[in-house]
Amino acid sequence: AGYDVTRLNEGRKLVLITGHRRENFGDGFIRMVTAMKDLSEK
């Protein structure tokens, strides 16, 4: 599917994300995705 869980064997942490709600479509969803992107870079 696109993720190798053995990456976590060396003590890496994992943030699991799900997002699909109808009321979040639009600007709210853009803010959510932008926050996730910036967190991954941080």
PDB file of all heavy atoms in Angstrom:
ATOM      1  N   ALA A   1       0.830  -1.217   0.000  1.00  0.00           N
ATOM      2  CA  ALA A   1       0.000   0.000   0.000  1.00  0.00           C
ATOM      3  C   ALA A   1       0.856   1.256   0.000  1.00  0.00           C
ATOM      4  O   ALA A   1       0.380   2.342  -0.345  1.00  0.00           O
ATOM      5  CB  ALA A   1      -0.934   0.004   1.207  1.00  0.00           C
ATOM      6  N   GLY A   2       2.136   1.111   0.435  1.00  0.00           N
ATOM      7  CA  GLY A   2       3.020   2.269   0.374  1.00  0.00           C
ATOM      8  C   GLY A   2       3.767   2.602   1.647  1.00  0.00           C
ATOM      9  O   GLY A   2       4.437   3.633   1.714  1.00  0.00           O
ATOM     10  N   TYR A   3       3.682   1.731   2.686  1.00  0.00           N
ATOM     11  CA  TYR A   3       4.417   2.037   3.923  1.00  0.00           C
ATOM     12  C   TYR A   3       5.087   0.786   4.485  1.00  0.00           C
ATOM     13  O   TYR A   3       4.445  -0.256   4.653  1.00  0.00           O
ATOM     14  CB  TYR A   3       3.504   2.645   4.988  1.00  0.00           C
ATOM     15  CG  TYR A   3       4.276   3.050   6.228  1.00  0.00           C
ATOM     16  CD1 TYR A   3       5.234   4.058   6.159  1.00  0.00           C
ATOM     17  CD2 TYR A   3       4.074   2.413   7.450  1.00  0.00           C
ATOM     18  CE1 TYR A   3       5.978   4.421   7.270  1.00  0.00           C
ATOM     19  CE2 TYR A   3       4.805   2.781   8.570  1.00  0.00           C
ATOM     20  CZ  TYR A   3       5.758   3.784   8.474  1.00  0.00           C
ATOM     21  OH  TYR A   3       6.500   4.154   9.581  1.00  0.00           O
ATOM     22  N   ASP A   4       6.364   0.923   4.804  1.00  0.00           N
ATOM     23  CA  ASP A   4       7.159  -0.175   5.358  1.00  0.00           C
ATOM     24  C   ASP A   4       7.207  -0.022   6.880  1.00  0.00           C
ATOM     25  O   ASP A   4       7.925   0.824   7.413  1.00  0.00           O
ATOM     26  CB  ASP A   4       8.574  -0.129   4.773  1.00  0.00           C
ATOM     27  CG  ASP A   4       9.454  -1.261   5.282  1.00  0.00           C
ATOM     28  OD1 ASP A   4       8.961  -2.089   6.093  1.00  0.00           O
ATOM     29  OD2 ASP A   4      10.637  -1.309   4.895  1.00  0.00           O
ATOM     30  N   VAL A   5       6.435  -0.852   7.600  1.00  0.00           N
ATOM     31  CA  VAL A   5       6.357  -0.711   9.065  1.00  0.00           C
ATOM     32  C   VAL A   5       7.675  -1.068   9.753  1.00  0.00           C
ATOM     33  O   VAL A   5       7.879  -0.700  10.913  1.00  0.00           O
ATOM     34  CB  VAL A   5       5.213  -1.565   9.673  1.00  0.00           C
ATOM     35  CG1 VAL A   5       3.860  -1.058   9.241  1.00  0.00           C
ATOM     36  CG2 VAL A   5       5.376  -3.038   9.347  1.00  0.00           C
ATOM     37  N   THR A   6       8.575  -1.744   9.052  1.00  0.00           N
ATOM     38  CA  THR A   6       9.870  -2.074   9.695  1.00  0.00           C
ATOM     39  C   THR A   6      10.701  -0.813   9.933  1.00  0.00           C
ATOM     40  O   THR A   6      11.668  -0.850  10.703  1.00  0.00           O
ATOM     41  CB  THR A   6      10.679  -3.085   8.849  1.00  0.00           C
ATOM     42  OG1 THR A   6      10.988  -2.498   7.576  1.00  0.00           O
ATOM     43  CG2 THR A   6       9.894  -4.377   8.640  1.00  0.00           C
ATOM     44  N   ARG A   7      10.326   0.302   9.314  1.00  0.00           N
ATOM     45  CA  ARG A   7      10.982   1.590   9.610  1.00  0.00           C
ATOM     46  C   ARG A   7      10.857   1.928  11.096  1.00  0.00           C
ATOM     47  O   ARG A   7      11.689   2.642  11.660  1.00  0.00           O
ATOM     48  CB  ARG A   7      10.345   2.722   8.795  1.00  0.00           C
ATOM     49  CG  ARG A   7      10.653   2.713   7.324  1.00  0.00           C
ATOM     50  CD  ARG A   7       9.789   3.730   6.570  1.00  0.00           C
ATOM     51  NE  ARG A   7       9.974   5.097   7.038  1.00  0.00           N
ATOM     52  CZ  ARG A   7      10.848   5.960   6.553  1.00  0.00           C
ATOM     53  NH1 ARG A   7      11.662   5.594   5.572  1.00  0.00           N
ATOM     54  NH2 ARG A   7      10.929   7.192   7.025  1.00  0.00           N
ATOM     55  N   LEU A   8       9.799   1.411  11.731  1.00  0.00           N
ATOM     56  CA  LEU A   8       9.538   1.733  13.137  1.00  0.00           C
ATOM     57  C   LEU A   8      10.378   0.893  14.098  1.00  0.00           C
ATOM     58  O   LEU A   8      10.416   1.177  15.296  1.00  0.00           O
ATOM     59  CB  LEU A   8       8.046   1.532  13.449  1.00  0.00           C
ATOM     60  CG  LEU A   8       7.068   2.328  12.565  1.00  0.00           C
ATOM     61  CD1 LEU A   8       5.636   1.918  12.851  1.00  0.00           C
ATOM     62  CD2 LEU A   8       7.255   3.825  12.769  1.00  0.00           C
ATOM     63  N   ASN A   9      11.039  -0.133  13.559  1.00  0.00           N
ATOM     64  CA  ASN A   9      11.841  -1.018  14.420  1.00  0.00           C
ATOM     65  C   ASN A   9      13.006  -0.301  15.080  1.00  0.00           C
ATOM     66  O   ASN A   9      13.515  -0.728  16.111  1.00  0.00           O
ATOM     67  CB  ASN A   9      12.377  -2.215  13.614  1.00  0.00           C
ATOM     68  CG  ASN A   9      11.255  -3.131  13.147  1.00  0.00           C
ATOM     69  OD1 ASN A   9      10.116  -2.982  13.588  1.00  0.00           O
ATOM     70  ND2 ASN A   9      11.567  -4.062  12.260  1.00  0.00           N
ATOM     71  N   GLU A  10      13.433   0.801  14.491  1.00  0.00           N
ATOM     72  CA  GLU A  10      14.579   1.541  15.038  1.00  0.00           C
ATOM     73  C   GLU A  10      14.146   2.653  15.989  1.00  0.00           C
ATOM     74  O   GLU A  10      14.913   3.565  16.293  1.00  0.00           O
ATOM     75  CB  GLU A  10      15.398   2.137  13.884  1.00  0.00           C
ATOM     76  CG  GLU A  10      16.050   1.079  13.009  1.00  0.00           C
ATOM     77  CD  GLU A  10      16.277   1.561  11.578  1.00  0.00           C
ATOM     78  OE1 GLU A  10      16.256   2.783  11.359  1.00  0.00           O
ATOM     79  OE2 GLU A  10      16.469   0.688  10.710  1.00  0.00           O
ATOM     80  N   GLY A  11      12.873   2.586  16.449  1.00  0.00           N
ATOM     81  CA  GLY A  11      12.402   3.561  17.431  1.00  0.00           C
ATOM     82  C   GLY A  11      11.750   4.800  16.849  1.00  0.00           C
ATOM     83  O   GLY A  11      11.459   5.752  17.575  1.00  0.00           O
ATOM     84  N   ARG A  12      11.548   4.827  15.519  1.00  0.00           N
ATOM     85  CA  ARG A  12      10.842   5.968  14.924  1.00  0.00           C
ATOM     86  C   ARG A  12       9.409   6.016  15.423  1.00  0.00           C
ATOM     87  O   ARG A  12       8.796   4.973  15.681  1.00  0.00           O
ATOM     88  CB  ARG A  12      10.825   5.870  13.394  1.00  0.00           C
ATOM     89  CG  ARG A  12      12.159   6.104  12.738  1.00  0.00           C
ATOM     90  CD  ARG A  12      12.063   5.996  11.228  1.00  0.00           C
ATOM     91  NE  ARG A  12      11.374   7.137  10.632  1.00  0.00           N
ATOM     92  CZ  ARG A  12      11.974   8.294  10.313  1.00  0.00           C
ATOM     93  NH1 ARG A  12      13.267   8.460  10.567  1.00  0.00           N
ATOM     94  NH2 ARG A  12      11.294   9.272   9.756  1.00  0.00           N
ATOM     95  N   LYS A  13       8.879   7.217  15.567  1.00  0.00           N
ATOM     96  CA  LYS A  13       7.481   7.380  15.947  1.00  0.00           C
ATOM     97  C   LYS A  13       6.623   7.490  14.693  1.00  0.00           C
ATOM     98  O   LYS A  13       7.120   7.817  13.610  1.00  0.00           O
ATOM     99  CB  LYS A  13       7.314   8.639  16.818  1.00  0.00           C
ATOM    100  CG  LYS A  13       7.960   8.516  18.189  1.00  0.00           C
ATOM    101  CD  LYS A  13       7.792   9.794  19.001  1.00  0.00           C
ATOM    102  CE  LYS A  13       8.390   9.634  20.396  1.00  0.00           C
ATOM    103  NZ  LYS A  13       8.276  10.894  21.193  1.00  0.00           N
ATOM    104  N   LEU A  14       5.332   7.223  14.870  1.00  0.00           N
ATOM    105  CA  LEU A  14       4.401   7.240  13.749  1.00  0.00           C
ATOM    106  C   LEU A  14       3.169   8.064  14.104  1.00  0.00           C
ATOM    107  O   LEU A  14       2.523   7.818  15.127  1.00  0.00           O
ATOM    108  CB  LEU A  14       3.979   5.807  13.394  1.00  0.00           C
ATOM    109  CG  LEU A  14       2.777   5.634  12.454  1.00  0.00           C
ATOM    110  CD1 LEU A  14       3.082   6.218  11.087  1.00  0.00           C
ATOM    111  CD2 LEU A  14       2.401   4.158  12.330  1.00  0.00           C
ATOM    112  N   VAL A  15       2.846   9.044  13.266  1.00  0.00           N
ATOM    113  CA  VAL A  15       1.583   9.784  13.367  1.00  0.00           C
ATOM    114  C   VAL A  15       0.674   9.258  12.257  1.00  0.00           C
ATOM    115  O   VAL A  15       0.996   9.377  11.070  1.00  0.00           O
ATOM    116  CB  VAL A  15       1.789  11.309  13.217  1.00  0.00           C
ATOM    117  CG1 VAL A  15       0.436  12.031  13.244  1.00  0.00           C
ATOM    118  CG2 VAL A  15       2.696  11.834  14.328  1.00  0.00           C
ATOM    119  N   LEU A  16      -0.440   8.652  12.660  1.00  0.00           N
ATOM    120  CA  LEU A  16      -1.392   8.085  11.703  1.00  0.00           C
ATOM    121  C   LEU A  16      -2.520   9.098  11.491  1.00  0.00           C
ATOM    122  O   LEU A  16      -3.102   9.602  12.451  1.00  0.00           O
ATOM    123  CB  LEU A  16      -1.948   6.767  12.250  1.00  0.00           C
ATOM    124  CG  LEU A  16      -3.012   6.055  11.423  1.00  0.00           C
ATOM    125  CD1 LEU A  16      -2.515   5.731  10.022  1.00  0.00           C
ATOM    126  CD2 LEU A  16      -3.468   4.777  12.132  1.00  0.00           C
ATOM    127  N   ILE A  17      -2.824   9.380  10.227  1.00  0.00           N
ATOM    128  CA  ILE A  17      -3.777  10.445   9.889  1.00  0.00           C
ATOM    129  C   ILE A  17      -4.940   9.870   9.080  1.00  0.00           C
ATOM    130  O   ILE A  17      -4.737   9.084   8.156  1.00  0.00           O
ATOM    131  CB  ILE A  17      -3.081  11.534   9.038  1.00  0.00           C
ATOM    132  CG1 ILE A  17      -1.889  12.128   9.797  1.00  0.00           C
ATOM    133  CG2 ILE A  17      -4.062  12.631   8.642  1.00  0.00           C
ATOM    134  CD1 ILE A  17      -0.882  12.812   8.897  1.00  0.00           C
ATOM    135  N   THR A  18      -6.158  10.258   9.434  1.00  0.00           N
ATOM    136  CA  THR A  18      -7.300  10.001   8.557  1.00  0.00           C
ATOM    137  C   THR A  18      -8.122  11.274   8.489  1.00  0.00           C
ATOM    138  O   THR A  18      -8.321  11.939   9.505  1.00  0.00           O
ATOM    139  CB  THR A  18      -8.207   8.841   9.057  1.00  0.00           C
ATOM    140  OG1 THR A  18      -8.936   9.270  10.213  1.00  0.00           O
ATOM    141  CG2 THR A  18      -7.389   7.601   9.392  1.00  0.00           C
ATOM    142  N   GLY A  19      -8.586  11.616   7.300  1.00  0.00           N
ATOM    143  CA  GLY A  19      -9.398  12.821   7.153  1.00  0.00           C
ATOM    144  C   GLY A  19     -10.248  12.755   5.910  1.00  0.00           C
ATOM    145  O   GLY A  19      -9.724  12.595   4.817  1.00  0.00           O
ATOM    146  N   HIS A  20     -11.565  12.843   6.091  1.00  0.00           N
ATOM    147  CA  HIS A  20     -12.437  12.738   4.911  1.00  0.00           C
ATOM    148  C   HIS A  20     -13.804  13.365   5.108  1.00  0.00           C
ATOM    149  O   HIS A  20     -14.678  13.235   4.263  1.00  0.00           O
ATOM    150  CB  HIS A  20     -12.637  11.260   4.545  1.00  0.00           C
ATOM    151  CG  HIS A  20     -13.357  10.481   5.608  1.00  0.00           C
ATOM    152  ND1 HIS A  20     -12.694   9.859   6.638  1.00  0.00           N
ATOM    153  CD2 HIS A  20     -14.673  10.260   5.816  1.00  0.00           C
ATOM    154  CE1 HIS A  20     -13.580   9.267   7.422  1.00  0.00           C
ATOM    155  NE2 HIS A  20     -14.780   9.493   6.950  1.00  0.00           N
ATOM    156  N   ARG A  21     -14.049  14.073   6.217  1.00  0.00           N
ATOM    157  CA  ARG A  21     -15.403  14.495   6.524  1.00  0.00           C
ATOM    158  C   ARG A  21     -15.896  15.597   5.591  1.00  0.00           C
ATOM    159  O   ARG A  21     -15.191  16.547   5.291  1.00  0.00           O
ATOM    160  CB  ARG A  21     -15.520  14.979   7.970  1.00  0.00           C
ATOM    161  CG  ARG A  21     -15.248  13.897   8.981  1.00  0.00           C
ATOM    162  CD  ARG A  21     -15.874  14.241  10.306  1.00  0.00           C
ATOM    163  NE  ARG A  21     -17.312  14.091  10.244  1.00  0.00           N
ATOM    164  CZ  ARG A  21     -17.926  12.916  10.337  1.00  0.00           C
ATOM    165  NH1 ARG A  21     -17.232  11.819  10.493  1.00  0.00           N
ATOM    166  NH2 ARG A  21     -19.229  12.860  10.276  1.00  0.00           N
ATOM    167  N   ARG A  22     -17.155  15.465   5.225  1.00  0.00           N
ATOM    168  CA  ARG A  22     -17.815  16.396   4.298  1.00  0.00           C
ATOM    169  C   ARG A  22     -17.726  17.844   4.787  1.00  0.00           C
ATOM    170  O   ARG A  22     -17.469  18.761   4.027  1.00  0.00           O
ATOM    171  CB  ARG A  22     -19.285  15.971   4.168  1.00  0.00           C
ATOM    172  CG  ARG A  22     -20.065  16.626   3.073  1.00  0.00           C
ATOM    173  CD  ARG A  22     -21.520  16.165   3.143  1.00  0.00           C
ATOM    174  NE  ARG A  22     -21.653  14.738   2.901  1.00  0.00           N
ATOM    175  CZ  ARG A  22     -21.974  14.204   1.728  1.00  0.00           C
ATOM    176  NH1 ARG A  22     -22.184  14.977   0.697  1.00  0.00           N
ATOM    177  NH2 ARG A  22     -22.091  12.900   1.595  1.00  0.00           N
ATOM    178  N   GLU A  23     -17.943  18.065   6.119  1.00  0.00           N
ATOM    179  CA  GLU A  23     -17.988  19.456   6.592  1.00  0.00           C
ATOM    180  C   GLU A  23     -16.613  20.116   6.616  1.00  0.00           C
ATOM    181  O   GLU A  23     -16.502  21.331   6.782  1.00  0.00           O
ATOM    182  CB  GLU A  23     -18.656  19.563   7.982  1.00  0.00           C
ATOM    183  CG  GLU A  23     -17.818  19.086   9.149  1.00  0.00           C
ATOM    184  CD  GLU A  23     -18.221  17.694   9.628  1.00  0.00           C
ATOM    185  OE1 GLU A  23     -18.756  16.917   8.805  1.00  0.00           O
ATOM    186  OE2 GLU A  23     -18.001  17.397  10.796  1.00  0.00           O
ATOM    187  N   ASN A  24     -15.540  19.320   6.460  1.00  0.00           N
ATOM    188  CA  ASN A  24     -14.188  19.888   6.453  1.00  0.00           C
ATOM    189  C   ASN A  24     -13.686  20.244   5.051  1.00  0.00           C
ATOM    190  O   ASN A  24     -12.635  20.849   4.911  1.00  0.00           O
ATOM    191  CB  ASN A  24     -13.197  18.917   7.101  1.00  0.00           C
ATOM    192  CG  ASN A  24     -13.296  18.919   8.622  1.00  0.00           C
ATOM    193  OD1 ASN A  24     -13.852  19.844   9.206  1.00  0.00           O
ATOM    194  ND2 ASN A  24     -12.779  17.891   9.247  1.00  0.00           N
ATOM    195  N   PHE A  25     -14.435  19.856   4.014  1.00  0.00           N
ATOM    196  CA  PHE A  25     -13.986  20.150   2.649  1.00  0.00           C
ATOM    197  C   PHE A  25     -13.880  21.661   2.458  1.00  0.00           C
ATOM    198  O   PHE A  25     -14.656  22.426   2.996  1.00  0.00           O
ATOM    199  CB  PHE A  25     -14.949  19.553   1.613  1.00  0.00           C
ATOM    200  CG  PHE A  25     -14.987  18.049   1.598  1.00  0.00           C
ATOM    201  CD1 PHE A  25     -16.068  17.373   1.059  1.00  0.00           C
ATOM    202  CD2 PHE A  25     -13.944  17.299   2.134  1.00  0.00           C
ATOM    203  CE1 PHE A  25     -16.119  15.981   1.046  1.00  0.00           C
ATOM    204  CE2 PHE A  25     -13.983  15.904   2.122  1.00  0.00           C
ATOM    205  CZ  PHE A  25     -15.073  15.252   1.593  1.00  0.00           C
ATOM    206  N   GLY A  26     -12.903  22.080   1.661  1.00  0.00           N
ATOM    207  CA  GLY A  26     -12.715  23.517   1.434  1.00  0.00           C
ATOM    208  C   GLY A  26     -11.531  24.033   2.229  1.00  0.00           C
ATOM    209  O   GLY A  26     -10.518  23.343   2.385  1.00  0.00           O
ATOM    210  N   ASP A  27     -11.668  25.262   2.754  1.00  0.00           N
ATOM    211  CA  ASP A  27     -10.558  25.912   3.457  1.00  0.00           C
ATOM    212  C   ASP A  27     -10.093  25.117   4.666  1.00  0.00           C
ATOM    213  O   ASP A  27      -8.898  25.047   4.953  1.00  0.00           O
ATOM    214  CB  ASP A  27     -10.974  27.320   3.904  1.00  0.00           C
ATOM    215  CG  ASP A  27     -11.133  28.267   2.715  1.00  0.00           C
ATOM    216  OD1 ASP A  27     -10.663  27.916   1.617  1.00  0.00           O
ATOM    217  OD2 ASP A  27     -11.740  29.337   2.894  1.00  0.00           O
ATOM    218  N   GLY A  28     -11.046  24.527   5.397  1.00  0.00           N
ATOM    219  CA  GLY A  28     -10.690  23.747   6.588  1.00  0.00           C
ATOM    220  C   GLY A  28      -9.750  22.605   6.251  1.00  0.00           C
ATOM    221  O   GLY A  28      -8.771  22.342   6.957  1.00  0.00           O
ATOM    222  N   PHE A  29     -10.036  21.943   5.142  1.00  0.00           N
ATOM    223  CA  PHE A  29      -9.206  20.805   4.748  1.00  0.00           C
ATOM    224  C   PHE A  29      -7.813  21.268   4.323  1.00  0.00           C
ATOM    225  O   PHE A  29      -6.812  20.610   4.634  1.00  0.00           O
ATOM    226  CB  PHE A  29      -9.890  20.029   3.613  1.00  0.00           C
ATOM    227  CG  PHE A  29      -9.445  18.610   3.529  1.00  0.00           C
ATOM    228  CD1 PHE A  29     -10.011  17.642   4.334  1.00  0.00           C
ATOM    229  CD2 PHE A  29      -8.429  18.233   2.667  1.00  0.00           C
ATOM    230  CE1 PHE A  29      -9.574  16.321   4.277  1.00  0.00           C
ATOM    231  CE2 PHE A  29      -7.994  16.919   2.597  1.00  0.00           C
ATOM    232  CZ  PHE A  29      -8.573  15.968   3.409  1.00  0.00           C
ATOM    233  N   ILE A  30      -7.758  22.399   3.643  1.00  0.00           N
ATOM    234  CA  ILE A  30      -6.461  22.955   3.241  1.00  0.00           C
ATOM    235  C   ILE A  30      -5.610  23.262   4.478  1.00  0.00           C
ATOM    236  O   ILE A  30      -4.412  22.953   4.520  1.00  0.00           O
ATOM    237  CB  ILE A  30      -6.651  24.238   2.390  1.00  0.00           C
ATOM    238  CG1 ILE A  30      -7.326  23.911   1.052  1.00  0.00           C
ATOM    239  CG2 ILE A  30      -5.331  24.970   2.192  1.00  0.00           C
ATOM    240  CD1 ILE A  30      -6.430  23.249   0.023  1.00  0.00           C
ATOM    241  N   ARG A  31      -6.234  23.843   5.514  1.00  0.00           N
ATOM    242  CA  ARG A  31      -5.498  24.145   6.761  1.00  0.00           C
ATOM    243  C   ARG A  31      -4.993  22.861   7.420  1.00  0.00           C
ATOM    244  O   ARG A  31      -3.852  22.801   7.896  1.00  0.00           O
ATOM    245  CB  ARG A  31      -6.401  24.912   7.734  1.00  0.00           C
ATOM    246  CG  ARG A  31      -6.682  26.346   7.327  1.00  0.00           C
ATOM    247  CD  ARG A  31      -7.278  27.145   8.475  1.00  0.00           C
ATOM    248  NE  ARG A  31      -8.543  26.613   8.941  1.00  0.00           N
ATOM    249  CZ  ARG A  31      -9.727  26.940   8.420  1.00  0.00           C
ATOM    250  NH1 ARG A  31      -9.804  27.791   7.407  1.00  0.00           N
ATOM    251  NH2 ARG A  31     -10.848  26.422   8.909  1.00  0.00           N
ATOM    252  N   MET A  32      -5.838  21.825   7.438  1.00  0.00           N
ATOM    253  CA  MET A  32      -5.445  20.549   8.030  1.00  0.00           C
ATOM    254  C   MET A  32      -4.233  19.963   7.304  1.00  0.00           C
ATOM    255  O   MET A  32      -3.246  19.556   7.936  1.00  0.00           O
ATOM    256  CB  MET A  32      -6.614  19.547   7.936  1.00  0.00           C
ATOM    257  CG  MET A  32      -7.736  19.795   8.926  1.00  0.00           C
ATOM    258  SD  MET A  32      -9.300  18.968   8.466  1.00  0.00           S
ATOM    259  CE  MET A  32      -8.783  17.298   8.168  1.00  0.00           C
ATOM    260  N   VAL A  33      -4.311  19.926   5.990  1.00  0.00           N
ATOM    261  CA  VAL A  33      -3.242  19.321   5.191  1.00  0.00           C
ATOM    262  C   VAL A  33      -1.951  20.134   5.302  1.00  0.00           C
ATOM    263  O   VAL A  33      -0.847  19.573   5.398  1.00  0.00           O
ATOM    264  CB  VAL A  33      -3.687  19.167   3.717  1.00  0.00           C
ATOM    265  CG1 VAL A  33      -2.551  18.623   2.867  1.00  0.00           C
ATOM    266  CG2 VAL A  33      -4.899  18.234   3.623  1.00  0.00           C
ATOM    267  N   THR A  34      -2.079  21.469   5.330  1.00  0.00           N
ATOM    268  CA  THR A  34      -0.900  22.326   5.472  1.00  0.00           C
ATOM    269  C   THR A  34      -0.214  22.090   6.818  1.00  0.00           C
ATOM    270  O   THR A  34       1.029  22.012   6.897  1.00  0.00           O
ATOM    271  CB  THR A  34      -1.296  23.818   5.335  1.00  0.00           C
ATOM    272  OG1 THR A  34      -1.980  23.996   4.092  1.00  0.00           O
ATOM    273  CG2 THR A  34      -0.066  24.711   5.372  1.00  0.00           C
ATOM    274  N   ALA A  35      -1.007  21.952   7.871  1.00  0.00           N
ATOM    275  CA  ALA A  35      -0.449  21.674   9.202  1.00  0.00           C
ATOM    276  C   ALA A  35       0.310  20.348   9.203  1.00  0.00           C
ATOM    277  O   ALA A  35       1.418  20.239   9.762  1.00  0.00           O
ATOM    278  CB  ALA A  35      -1.564  21.647  10.250  1.00  0.00           C
ATOM    279  N   MET A  36      -0.252  19.345   8.556  1.00  0.00           N
ATOM    280  CA  MET A  36       0.412  18.037   8.487  1.00  0.00           C
ATOM    281  C   MET A  36       1.744  18.136   7.740  1.00  0.00           C
ATOM    282  O   MET A  36       2.752  17.558   8.162  1.00  0.00           O
ATOM    283  CB  MET A  36      -0.490  17.030   7.767  1.00  0.00           C
ATOM    284  CG  MET A  36      -1.788  16.718   8.470  1.00  0.00           C
ATOM    285  SD  MET A  36      -2.858  15.783   7.342  1.00  0.00           S
ATOM    286  CE  MET A  36      -4.463  16.140   8.042  1.00  0.00           C
ATOM    287  N   LYS A  37       1.728  18.848   6.639  1.00  0.00           N
ATOM    288  CA  LYS A  37       2.953  19.011   5.839  1.00  0.00           C
ATOM    289  C   LYS A  37       4.041  19.686   6.674  1.00  0.00           C
ATOM    290  O   LYS A  37       5.198  19.224   6.717  1.00  0.00           O
ATOM    291  CB  LYS A  37       2.642  19.843   4.591  1.00  0.00           C
ATOM    292  CG  LYS A  37       3.858  20.182   3.724  1.00  0.00           C
ATOM    293  CD  LYS A  37       3.413  20.918   2.461  1.00  0.00           C
ATOM    294  CE  LYS A  37       4.594  21.322   1.588  1.00  0.00           C
ATOM    295  NZ  LYS A  37       5.295  22.507   2.107  1.00  0.00           N
ATOM    296  N   ASP A  38       3.675  20.788   7.361  1.00  0.00           N
ATOM    297  CA  ASP A  38       4.664  21.526   8.151  1.00  0.00           C
ATOM    298  C   ASP A  38       5.172  20.702   9.333  1.00  0.00           C
ATOM    299  O   ASP A  38       6.353  20.776   9.691  1.00  0.00           O
ATOM    300  CB  ASP A  38       4.057  22.851   8.629  1.00  0.00           C
ATOM    301  CG  ASP A  38       3.827  23.820   7.464  1.00  0.00           C
ATOM    302  OD1 ASP A  38       4.274  23.506   6.341  1.00  0.00           O
ATOM    303  OD2 ASP A  38       3.191  24.871   7.682  1.00  0.00           O
ATOM    304  N   LEU A  39       4.293  19.899   9.934  1.00  0.00           N
ATOM    305  CA  LEU A  39       4.723  19.023  11.035  1.00  0.00           C
ATOM    306  C   LEU A  39       5.734  17.990  10.548  1.00  0.00           C
ATOM    307  O   LEU A  39       6.710  17.690  11.240  1.00  0.00           O
ATOM    308  CB  LEU A  39       3.502  18.314  11.650  1.00  0.00           C
ATOM    309  CG  LEU A  39       2.687  19.138  12.643  1.00  0.00           C
ATOM    310  CD1 LEU A  39       1.298  18.523  12.844  1.00  0.00           C
ATOM    311  CD2 LEU A  39       3.413  19.236  13.990  1.00  0.00           C
ATOM    312  N   SER A  40       5.511  17.457   9.358  1.00  0.00           N
ATOM    313  CA  SER A  40       6.439  16.440   8.839  1.00  0.00           C
ATOM    314  C   SER A  40       7.819  17.044   8.582  1.00  0.00           C
ATOM    315  O   SER A  40       8.841  16.356   8.697  1.00  0.00           O
ATOM    316  CB  SER A  40       5.877  15.803   7.558  1.00  0.00           C
ATOM    317  OG  SER A  40       5.891  16.718   6.482  1.00  0.00           O
ATOM    318  N   GLU A  41       7.845  18.332   8.240  1.00  0.00           N
ATOM    319  CA  GLU A  41       9.137  19.003   8.020  1.00  0.00           C
ATOM    320  C   GLU A  41       9.787  19.392   9.350  1.00  0.00           C
ATOM    321  O   GLU A  41      11.012  19.393   9.475  1.00  0.00           O
ATOM    322  CB  GLU A  41       8.914  20.231   7.126  1.00  0.00           C
ATOM    323  CG  GLU A  41       8.549  19.823   5.690  1.00  0.00           C
ATOM    324  CD  GLU A  41       8.036  20.975   4.837  1.00  0.00           C
ATOM    325  OE1 GLU A  41       7.931  22.116   5.373  1.00  0.00           O
ATOM    326  OE2 GLU A  41       7.730  20.743   3.649  1.00  0.00           O
ATOM    327  N   LYS A  42       8.961  19.688  10.357  1.00  0.00           N
ATOM    328  CA  LYS A  42       9.473  20.019  11.691  1.00  0.00           C
ATOM    329  C   LYS A  42      10.057  18.782  12.385  1.00  0.00           C
ATOM    330  O   LYS A  42      11.014  18.876  13.154  1.00  0.00           O
ATOM    331  CB  LYS A  42       8.338  20.605  12.542  1.00  0.00           C
ATOM    332  CG  LYS A  42       8.754  21.011  13.959  1.00  0.00           C
ATOM    333  CD  LYS A  42       7.560  21.554  14.748  1.00  0.00           C
ATOM    334  CE  LYS A  42       7.954  21.894  16.188  1.00  0.00           C
ATOM    335  NZ  LYS A  42       6.777  22.344  16.988  1.00  0.00           N
TER     336      LYS A  42
END
